[in-house]
Amino acid sequence: MPKKKDESFEQLLKRLDEISQLLESEDTGLEESIKLYEEGIKLSEKCYSILKEAELKVTELKTRFDESVNKDLK
């Protein structure tokens, strides 16, 4: 799979699913399994990073909204 810096979360998950299916296949040899596992770990780290960024953004937006509402109520 070619490396792209702008891969979406959905594309990363799709590739992780493909890797999972390949690892479950009896046709995948040990060497290939190790390479796939390593790729899967790297993709998982990217997904986790994207999720943490999204969580931070949502938290910041909620905080800003709450502050705005509280300001208007005073």
C-alpha atoms as a PDB file:
ATOM      1  CA  MET A   1       0.000   0.000   0.000  1.00  0.00           C
ATOM      2  CA  PRO A   2       1.498   3.359  -0.978  1.00  0.00           C
ATOM      3  CA  LYS A   3       2.160   5.711   1.888  1.00  0.00           C
ATOM      4  CA  LYS A   4       0.082   8.897   1.831  1.00  0.00           C
ATOM      5  CA  LYS A   5       0.296  11.597   4.443  1.00  0.00           C
ATOM      6  CA  ASP A   6      -3.236  12.784   3.712  1.00  0.00           C
ATOM      7  CA  GLU A   7      -5.016   9.460   4.136  1.00  0.00           C
ATOM      8  CA  SER A   8      -8.385   9.849   5.788  1.00  0.00           C
ATOM      9  CA  PHE A   9      -9.383   8.073   8.953  1.00  0.00           C
ATOM     10  CA  GLU A  10     -11.795   5.984   6.893  1.00  0.00           C
ATOM     11  CA  GLN A  11      -9.043   4.953   4.458  1.00  0.00           C
ATOM     12  CA  LEU A  12      -6.814   3.947   7.357  1.00  0.00           C
ATOM     13  CA  LEU A  13      -9.608   1.852   8.870  1.00  0.00           C
ATOM     14  CA  LYS A  14     -10.269   0.197   5.517  1.00  0.00           C
ATOM     15  CA  ARG A  15      -6.608  -0.786   5.221  1.00  0.00           C
ATOM     16  CA  LEU A  16      -6.627  -2.074   8.815  1.00  0.00           C
ATOM     17  CA  ASP A  17      -9.606  -4.241   7.921  1.00  0.00           C
ATOM     18  CA  GLU A  18      -7.752  -5.570   4.870  1.00  0.00           C
ATOM     19  CA  ILE A  19      -4.724  -6.352   7.020  1.00  0.00           C
ATOM     20  CA  SER A  20      -6.903  -8.118   9.560  1.00  0.00           C
ATOM     21  CA  GLN A  21      -8.421 -10.307   6.863  1.00  0.00           C
ATOM     22  CA  LEU A  22      -4.989 -11.134   5.448  1.00  0.00           C
ATOM     23  CA  LEU A  23      -3.656 -12.034   8.886  1.00  0.00           C
ATOM     24  CA  GLU A  24      -6.605 -14.356   9.433  1.00  0.00           C
ATOM     25  CA  SER A  25      -5.981 -16.062   6.098  1.00  0.00           C
ATOM     26  CA  GLU A  26      -4.194 -19.374   6.176  1.00  0.00           C
ATOM     27  CA  ASP A  27      -2.457 -18.403   2.924  1.00  0.00           C
ATOM     28  CA  THR A  28      -0.406 -15.612   4.514  1.00  0.00           C
ATOM     29  CA  GLY A  29       3.088 -16.739   5.448  1.00  0.00           C
ATOM     30  CA  LEU A  30       5.014 -15.806   8.567  1.00  0.00           C
ATOM     31  CA  GLU A  31       7.234 -13.138   6.979  1.00  0.00           C
ATOM     32  CA  GLU A  32       4.287 -11.452   5.295  1.00  0.00           C
ATOM     33  CA  SER A  33       2.266 -11.696   8.516  1.00  0.00           C
ATOM     34  CA  ILE A  34       4.986  -9.892  10.435  1.00  0.00           C
ATOM     35  CA  LYS A  35       5.133  -7.117   7.828  1.00  0.00           C
ATOM     36  CA  LEU A  36       1.363  -6.778   7.861  1.00  0.00           C
ATOM     37  CA  TYR A  37       1.283  -6.722  11.649  1.00  0.00           C
ATOM     38  CA  GLU A  38       3.896  -3.953  11.703  1.00  0.00           C
ATOM     39  CA  GLU A  39       1.910  -1.947   9.140  1.00  0.00           C
ATOM     40  CA  GLY A  40      -1.241  -2.493  11.195  1.00  0.00           C
ATOM     41  CA  ILE A  41       0.414  -1.163  14.336  1.00  0.00           C
ATOM     42  CA  LYS A  42       1.573   1.965  12.499  1.00  0.00           C
ATOM     43  CA  LEU A  43      -1.886   2.529  11.048  1.00  0.00           C
ATOM     44  CA  SER A  44      -3.446   2.000  14.481  1.00  0.00           C
ATOM     45  CA  GLU A  45      -1.152   4.672  15.903  1.00  0.00           C
ATOM     46  CA  LYS A  46      -2.228   7.089  13.145  1.00  0.00           C
ATOM     47  CA  CYS A  47      -5.894   6.342  13.813  1.00  0.00           C
ATOM     48  CA  TYR A  48      -5.423   6.885  17.535  1.00  0.00           C
ATOM     49  CA  SER A  49      -3.713  10.209  16.872  1.00  0.00           C
ATOM     50  CA  ILE A  50      -6.544  11.333  14.591  1.00  0.00           C
ATOM     51  CA  LEU A  51      -9.120  10.346  17.219  1.00  0.00           C
ATOM     52  CA  LYS A  52      -7.270  12.180  19.980  1.00  0.00           C
ATOM     53  CA  GLU A  53      -7.120  15.321  17.797  1.00  0.00           C
ATOM     54  CA  ALA A  54     -10.840  15.055  17.082  1.00  0.00           C
ATOM     55  CA  GLU A  55     -11.594  14.582  20.770  1.00  0.00           C
ATOM     56  CA  LEU A  56      -9.546  17.648  21.657  1.00  0.00           C
ATOM     57  CA  LYS A  57     -11.285  19.732  19.005  1.00  0.00           C
ATOM     58  CA  VAL A  58     -14.750  18.631  20.181  1.00  0.00           C
ATOM     59  CA  THR A  59     -13.795  19.395  23.789  1.00  0.00           C
ATOM     60  CA  GLU A  60     -12.533  22.845  22.827  1.00  0.00           C
ATOM     61  CA  LEU A  61     -15.685  23.587  20.831  1.00  0.00           C
ATOM     62  CA  LYS A  62     -17.920  22.422  23.678  1.00  0.00           C
ATOM     63  CA  THR A  63     -15.980  24.534  26.172  1.00  0.00           C
ATOM     64  CA  ARG A  64     -16.254  27.575  23.925  1.00  0.00           C
ATOM     65  CA  PHE A  65     -19.992  26.971  23.496  1.00  0.00           C
ATOM     66  CA  ASP A  66     -20.529  26.498  27.236  1.00  0.00           C
ATOM     67  CA  GLU A  67     -18.621  29.717  27.969  1.00  0.00           C
ATOM     68  CA  SER A  68     -20.710  31.586  25.409  1.00  0.00           C
ATOM     69  CA  VAL A  69     -23.984  30.287  26.836  1.00  0.00           C
ATOM     70  CA  ASN A  70     -22.909  31.046  30.402  1.00  0.00           C
ATOM     71  CA  LYS A  71     -21.857  34.561  29.374  1.00  0.00           C
ATOM     72  CA  ASP A  72     -25.262  35.176  27.789  1.00  0.00           C
ATOM     73  CA  LEU A  73     -27.082  33.890  30.889  1.00  0.00           C
ATOM     74  CA  LYS A  74     -25.345  36.336  33.220  1.00  0.00           C
END
